[in-house]
Amino acid sequence: MIGWLFLSHQIGSAIGSYIPGLLYDVTGSYDISFIYSIILLIGASVLSFLLPAVANNE
C-alpha cells in the first residue's frame, strides 16, 4: 500500500510540474495554473470536511 501511495505521489508531482510549464509555454503566464490550483485546493478542502469523524474510544 505504501508503495502505491509513493508511486501516485511521484506521478502527481511529475504532472504537477509539467502541466504548469506547458501552460506557461502556451499562454505566457502562470495565471491559469494558479486558478486551477486554487480550484483543486477548494475541492480538496470540501472533500476533507465531508470525511466522517472518527471517534477515539480510549
PDB file of N, CA and C in Angstrom:
ATOM      1  N   MET A   1       0.811  -1.176   0.000  1.00  0.00           N
ATOM      2  CA  MET A   1       0.000   0.000   0.000  1.00  0.00           C
ATOM      3  C   MET A   1       0.869   1.261   0.000  1.00  0.00           C
ATOM      4  N   ILE A   2       1.908   1.256   0.812  1.00  0.00           N
ATOM      5  CA  ILE A   2       2.787   2.419   0.877  1.00  0.00           C
ATOM      6  C   ILE A   2       3.465   2.644  -0.471  1.00  0.00           C
ATOM      7  N   GLY A   3       3.804   1.559  -1.155  1.00  0.00           N
ATOM      8  CA  GLY A   3       4.419   1.685  -2.473  1.00  0.00           C
ATOM      9  C   GLY A   3       3.499   2.361  -3.471  1.00  0.00           C
ATOM     10  N   TRP A   4       2.213   2.001  -3.455  1.00  0.00           N
ATOM     11  CA  TRP A   4       1.257   2.631  -4.365  1.00  0.00           C
ATOM     12  C   TRP A   4       1.065   4.106  -4.023  1.00  0.00           C
ATOM     13  N   LEU A   5       1.038   4.421  -2.738  1.00  0.00           N
ATOM     14  CA  LEU A   5       0.926   5.825  -2.336  1.00  0.00           C
ATOM     15  C   LEU A   5       2.139   6.615  -2.800  1.00  0.00           C
ATOM     16  N   PHE A   6       3.319   6.034  -2.642  1.00  0.00           N
ATOM     17  CA  PHE A   6       4.542   6.706  -3.071  1.00  0.00           C
ATOM     18  C   PHE A   6       4.547   6.896  -4.583  1.00  0.00           C
ATOM     19  N   LEU A   7       4.147   5.866  -5.330  1.00  0.00           N
ATOM     20  CA  LEU A   7       4.111   5.946  -6.785  1.00  0.00           C
ATOM     21  C   LEU A   7       3.131   7.023  -7.252  1.00  0.00           C
ATOM     22  N   SER A   8       1.923   7.040  -6.676  1.00  0.00           N
ATOM     23  CA  SER A   8       0.941   8.037  -7.104  1.00  0.00           C
ATOM     24  C   SER A   8       1.398   9.444  -6.737  1.00  0.00           C
ATOM     25  N   HIS A   9       2.096   9.598  -5.619  1.00  0.00           N
ATOM     26  CA  HIS A   9       2.626  10.902  -5.243  1.00  0.00           C
ATOM     27  C   HIS A   9       3.675  11.372  -6.245  1.00  0.00           C
ATOM     28  N   GLN A  10       4.542  10.471  -6.681  1.00  0.00           N
ATOM     29  CA  GLN A  10       5.580  10.829  -7.637  1.00  0.00           C
ATOM     30  C   GLN A  10       4.994  11.166  -9.007  1.00  0.00           C
ATOM     31  N   ILE A  11       3.986  10.422  -9.424  1.00  0.00           N
ATOM     32  CA  ILE A  11       3.329  10.720 -10.706  1.00  0.00           C
ATOM     33  C   ILE A  11       2.635  12.073 -10.621  1.00  0.00           C
ATOM     34  N   GLY A  12       1.945  12.331  -9.510  1.00  0.00           N
ATOM     35  CA  GLY A  12       1.301  13.630  -9.325  1.00  0.00           C
ATOM     36  C   GLY A  12       2.303  14.766  -9.301  1.00  0.00           C
ATOM     37  N   SER A  13       3.454  14.547  -8.699  1.00  0.00           N
ATOM     38  CA  SER A  13       4.495  15.576  -8.676  1.00  0.00           C
ATOM     39  C   SER A  13       5.026  15.856 -10.073  1.00  0.00           C
ATOM     40  N   ALA A  14       5.209  14.805 -10.851  1.00  0.00           N
ATOM     41  CA  ALA A  14       5.702  14.983 -12.220  1.00  0.00           C
ATOM     42  C   ALA A  14       4.680  15.733 -13.072  1.00  0.00           C
ATOM     43  N   ILE A  15       3.423  15.340 -12.958  1.00  0.00           N
ATOM     44  CA  ILE A  15       2.372  16.018 -13.722  1.00  0.00           C
ATOM     45  C   ILE A  15       2.211  17.452 -13.236  1.00  0.00           C
ATOM     46  N   GLY A  16       2.322  17.653 -11.914  1.00  0.00           N
ATOM     47  CA  GLY A  16       2.152  18.975 -11.328  1.00  0.00           C
ATOM     48  C   GLY A  16       3.245  19.950 -11.694  1.00  0.00           C
ATOM     49  N   SER A  17       4.369  19.482 -12.140  1.00  0.00           N
ATOM     50  CA  SER A  17       5.402  20.405 -12.616  1.00  0.00           C
ATOM     51  C   SER A  17       5.404  20.524 -14.141  1.00  0.00           C
ATOM     52  N   TYR A  18       4.955  19.498 -14.826  1.00  0.00           N
ATOM     53  CA  TYR A  18       4.947  19.528 -16.285  1.00  0.00           C
ATOM     54  C   TYR A  18       3.819  20.397 -16.846  1.00  0.00           C
ATOM     55  N   ILE A  19       2.611  20.215 -16.345  1.00  0.00           N
ATOM     56  CA  ILE A  19       1.452  20.920 -16.907  1.00  0.00           C
ATOM     57  C   ILE A  19       1.548  22.433 -16.714  1.00  0.00           C
ATOM     58  N   PRO A  20       1.916  22.954 -15.533  1.00  0.00           N
ATOM     59  CA  PRO A  20       2.070  24.413 -15.450  1.00  0.00           C
ATOM     60  C   PRO A  20       3.142  24.955 -16.402  1.00  0.00           C
ATOM     61  N   GLY A  21       4.213  24.210 -16.585  1.00  0.00           N
ATOM     62  CA  GLY A  21       5.225  24.643 -17.551  1.00  0.00           C
ATOM     63  C   GLY A  21       4.690  24.658 -18.969  1.00  0.00           C
ATOM     64  N   LEU A  22       3.906  23.640 -19.302  1.00  0.00           N
ATOM     65  CA  LEU A  22       3.284  23.592 -20.630  1.00  0.00           C
ATOM     66  C   LEU A  22       2.304  24.746 -20.811  1.00  0.00           C
ATOM     67  N   LEU A  23       1.489  25.008 -19.805  1.00  0.00           N
ATOM     68  CA  LEU A  23       0.555  26.130 -19.885  1.00  0.00           C
ATOM     69  C   LEU A  23       1.284  27.465 -19.976  1.00  0.00           C
ATOM     70  N   TYR A  24       2.430  27.589 -19.309  1.00  0.00           N
ATOM     71  CA  TYR A  24       3.212  28.806 -19.422  1.00  0.00           C
ATOM     72  C   TYR A  24       3.752  28.985 -20.838  1.00  0.00           C
ATOM     73  N   ASP A  25       4.224  27.910 -21.447  1.00  0.00           N
ATOM     74  CA  ASP A  25       4.716  27.989 -22.813  1.00  0.00           C
ATOM     75  C   ASP A  25       3.614  28.384 -23.789  1.00  0.00           C
ATOM     76  N   VAL A  26       2.401  27.901 -23.548  1.00  0.00           N
ATOM     77  CA  VAL A  26       1.290  28.180 -24.455  1.00  0.00           C
ATOM     78  C   VAL A  26       0.743  29.591 -24.249  1.00  0.00           C
ATOM     79  N   THR A  27       0.562  30.006 -22.977  1.00  0.00           N
ATOM     80  CA  THR A  27      -0.108  31.272 -22.699  1.00  0.00           C
ATOM     81  C   THR A  27       0.836  32.412 -22.339  1.00  0.00           C
ATOM     82  N   GLY A  28       2.030  32.107 -21.865  1.00  0.00           N
ATOM     83  CA  GLY A  28       2.969  33.146 -21.470  1.00  0.00           C
ATOM     84  C   GLY A  28       2.772  33.632 -20.042  1.00  0.00           C
ATOM     85  N   SER A  29       1.910  32.969 -19.271  1.00  0.00           N
ATOM     86  CA  SER A  29       1.735  33.343 -17.870  1.00  0.00           C
ATOM     87  C   SER A  29       1.309  32.122 -17.064  1.00  0.00           C
ATOM     88  N   TYR A  30       1.438  32.265 -15.748  1.00  0.00           N
ATOM     89  CA  TYR A  30       1.062  31.183 -14.843  1.00  0.00           C
ATOM     90  C   TYR A  30      -0.349  31.363 -14.287  1.00  0.00           C
ATOM     91  N   ASP A  31      -1.096  32.330 -14.797  1.00  0.00           N
ATOM     92  CA  ASP A  31      -2.420  32.626 -14.244  1.00  0.00           C
ATOM     93  C   ASP A  31      -3.356  31.429 -14.278  1.00  0.00           C
ATOM     94  N   ILE A  32      -3.409  30.714 -15.377  1.00  0.00           N
ATOM     95  CA  ILE A  32      -4.303  29.554 -15.492  1.00  0.00           C
ATOM     96  C   ILE A  32      -3.895  28.478 -14.486  1.00  0.00           C
ATOM     97  N   SER A  33      -2.600  28.279 -14.314  1.00  0.00           N
ATOM     98  CA  SER A  33      -2.124  27.281 -13.347  1.00  0.00           C
ATOM     99  C   SER A  33      -2.536  27.654 -11.934  1.00  0.00           C
ATOM    100  N   PHE A  34      -2.425  28.932 -11.584  1.00  0.00           N
ATOM    101  CA  PHE A  34      -2.827  29.365 -10.248  1.00  0.00           C
ATOM    102  C   PHE A  34      -4.324  29.200 -10.042  1.00  0.00           C
ATOM    103  N   ILE A  35      -5.110  29.525 -11.050  1.00  0.00           N
ATOM    104  CA  ILE A  35      -6.568  29.384 -10.935  1.00  0.00           C
ATOM    105  C   ILE A  35      -6.939  27.916 -10.736  1.00  0.00           C
ATOM    106  N   TYR A  36      -6.361  27.022 -11.536  1.00  0.00           N
ATOM    107  CA  TYR A  36      -6.662  25.594 -11.392  1.00  0.00           C
ATOM    108  C   TYR A  36      -6.211  25.058 -10.035  1.00  0.00           C
ATOM    109  N   SER A  37      -5.062  25.512  -9.556  1.00  0.00           N
ATOM    110  CA  SER A  37      -4.594  25.025  -8.259  1.00  0.00           C
ATOM    111  C   SER A  37      -5.494  25.520  -7.129  1.00  0.00           C
ATOM    112  N   ILE A  38      -6.023  26.727  -7.235  1.00  0.00           N
ATOM    113  CA  ILE A  38      -6.965  27.229  -6.225  1.00  0.00           C
ATOM    114  C   ILE A  38      -8.251  26.415  -6.260  1.00  0.00           C
ATOM    115  N   ILE A  39      -8.746  26.113  -7.453  1.00  0.00           N
ATOM    116  CA  ILE A  39      -9.964  25.305  -7.580  1.00  0.00           C
ATOM    117  C   ILE A  39      -9.754  23.916  -6.983  1.00  0.00           C
ATOM    118  N   LEU A  40      -8.608  23.291  -7.278  1.00  0.00           N
ATOM    119  CA  LEU A  40      -8.317  21.970  -6.718  1.00  0.00           C
ATOM    120  C   LEU A  40      -8.176  22.027  -5.203  1.00  0.00           C
ATOM    121  N   LEU A  41      -7.578  23.093  -4.684  1.00  0.00           N
ATOM    122  CA  LEU A  41      -7.432  23.244  -3.241  1.00  0.00           C
ATOM    123  C   LEU A  41      -8.789  23.375  -2.555  1.00  0.00           C
ATOM    124  N   ILE A  42      -9.679  24.152  -3.138  1.00  0.00           N
ATOM    125  CA  ILE A  42     -11.019  24.305  -2.576  1.00  0.00           C
ATOM    126  C   ILE A  42     -11.766  22.973  -2.628  1.00  0.00           C
ATOM    127  N   GLY A  43     -11.659  22.256  -3.743  1.00  0.00           N
ATOM    128  CA  GLY A  43     -12.309  20.952  -3.865  1.00  0.00           C
ATOM    129  C   GLY A  43     -11.780  19.953  -2.844  1.00  0.00           C
ATOM    130  N   ALA A  44     -10.468  19.942  -2.645  1.00  0.00           N
ATOM    131  CA  ALA A  44      -9.880  19.032  -1.652  1.00  0.00           C
ATOM    132  C   ALA A  44     -10.321  19.411  -0.244  1.00  0.00           C
ATOM    133  N   SER A  45     -10.446  20.697   0.023  1.00  0.00           N
ATOM    134  CA  SER A  45     -10.909  21.139   1.344  1.00  0.00           C
ATOM    135  C   SER A  45     -12.340  20.694   1.599  1.00  0.00           C
ATOM    136  N   VAL A  46     -13.195  20.844   0.597  1.00  0.00           N
ATOM    137  CA  VAL A  46     -14.594  20.416   0.744  1.00  0.00           C
ATOM    138  C   VAL A  46     -14.664  18.916   0.988  1.00  0.00           C
ATOM    139  N   LEU A  47     -13.908  18.153   0.222  1.00  0.00           N
ATOM    140  CA  LEU A  47     -13.914  16.703   0.414  1.00  0.00           C
ATOM    141  C   LEU A  47     -13.367  16.313   1.786  1.00  0.00           C
ATOM    142  N   SER A  48     -12.382  17.048   2.292  1.00  0.00           N
ATOM    143  CA  SER A  48     -11.843  16.759   3.624  1.00  0.00           C
ATOM    144  C   SER A  48     -12.887  17.003   4.702  1.00  0.00           C
ATOM    145  N   PHE A  49     -13.679  18.061   4.541  1.00  0.00           N
ATOM    146  CA  PHE A  49     -14.726  18.343   5.524  1.00  0.00           C
ATOM    147  C   PHE A  49     -15.847  17.314   5.476  1.00  0.00           C
ATOM    148  N   LEU A  50     -16.021  16.658   4.338  1.00  0.00           N
ATOM    149  CA  LEU A  50     -17.077  15.659   4.204  1.00  0.00           C
ATOM    150  C   LEU A  50     -16.694  14.283   4.763  1.00  0.00           C
ATOM    151  N   LEU A  51     -15.427  14.106   5.106  1.00  0.00           N
ATOM    152  CA  LEU A  51     -14.997  12.841   5.685  1.00  0.00           C
ATOM    153  C   LEU A  51     -15.678  12.643   7.042  1.00  0.00           C
ATOM    154  N   PRO A  52     -16.051  11.407   7.352  1.00  0.00           N
ATOM    155  CA  PRO A  52     -16.691  11.177   8.650  1.00  0.00           C
ATOM    156  C   PRO A  52     -15.677  11.330   9.793  1.00  0.00           C
ATOM    157  N   ALA A  53     -16.166  11.808  10.896  1.00  0.00           N
ATOM    158  CA  ALA A  53     -15.306  11.949  12.079  1.00  0.00           C
ATOM    159  C   ALA A  53     -15.101  10.558  12.699  1.00  0.00           C
ATOM    160  N   VAL A  54     -13.894  10.305  13.125  1.00  0.00           N
ATOM    161  CA  VAL A  54     -13.563   9.020  13.750  1.00  0.00           C
ATOM    162  C   VAL A  54     -13.512   9.245  15.252  1.00  0.00           C
ATOM    163  N   ALA A  55     -14.332   8.517  15.973  1.00  0.00           N
ATOM    164  CA  ALA A  55     -14.370   8.641  17.429  1.00  0.00           C
ATOM    165  C   ALA A  55     -13.204   7.878  18.033  1.00  0.00           C
ATOM    166  N   ASN A  56     -12.583   8.482  18.992  1.00  0.00           N
ATOM    167  CA  ASN A  56     -11.476   7.845  19.699  1.00  0.00           C
ATOM    168  C   ASN A  56     -12.055   7.183  20.944  1.00  0.00           C
ATOM    169  N   ASN A  57     -12.095   5.859  20.972  1.00  0.00           N
ATOM    170  CA  ASN A  57     -12.718   5.114  22.059  1.00  0.00           C
ATOM    171  C   ASN A  57     -11.709   4.689  23.127  1.00  0.00           C
ATOM    172  N   GLU A  58     -10.860   5.577  23.540  1.00  0.00           N
ATOM    173  CA  GLU A  58      -9.882   5.213  24.571  1.00  0.00           C
ATOM    174  C   GLU A  58     -10.323   5.733  25.902  1.00  0.00           C
TER     175      GLU A  58
END
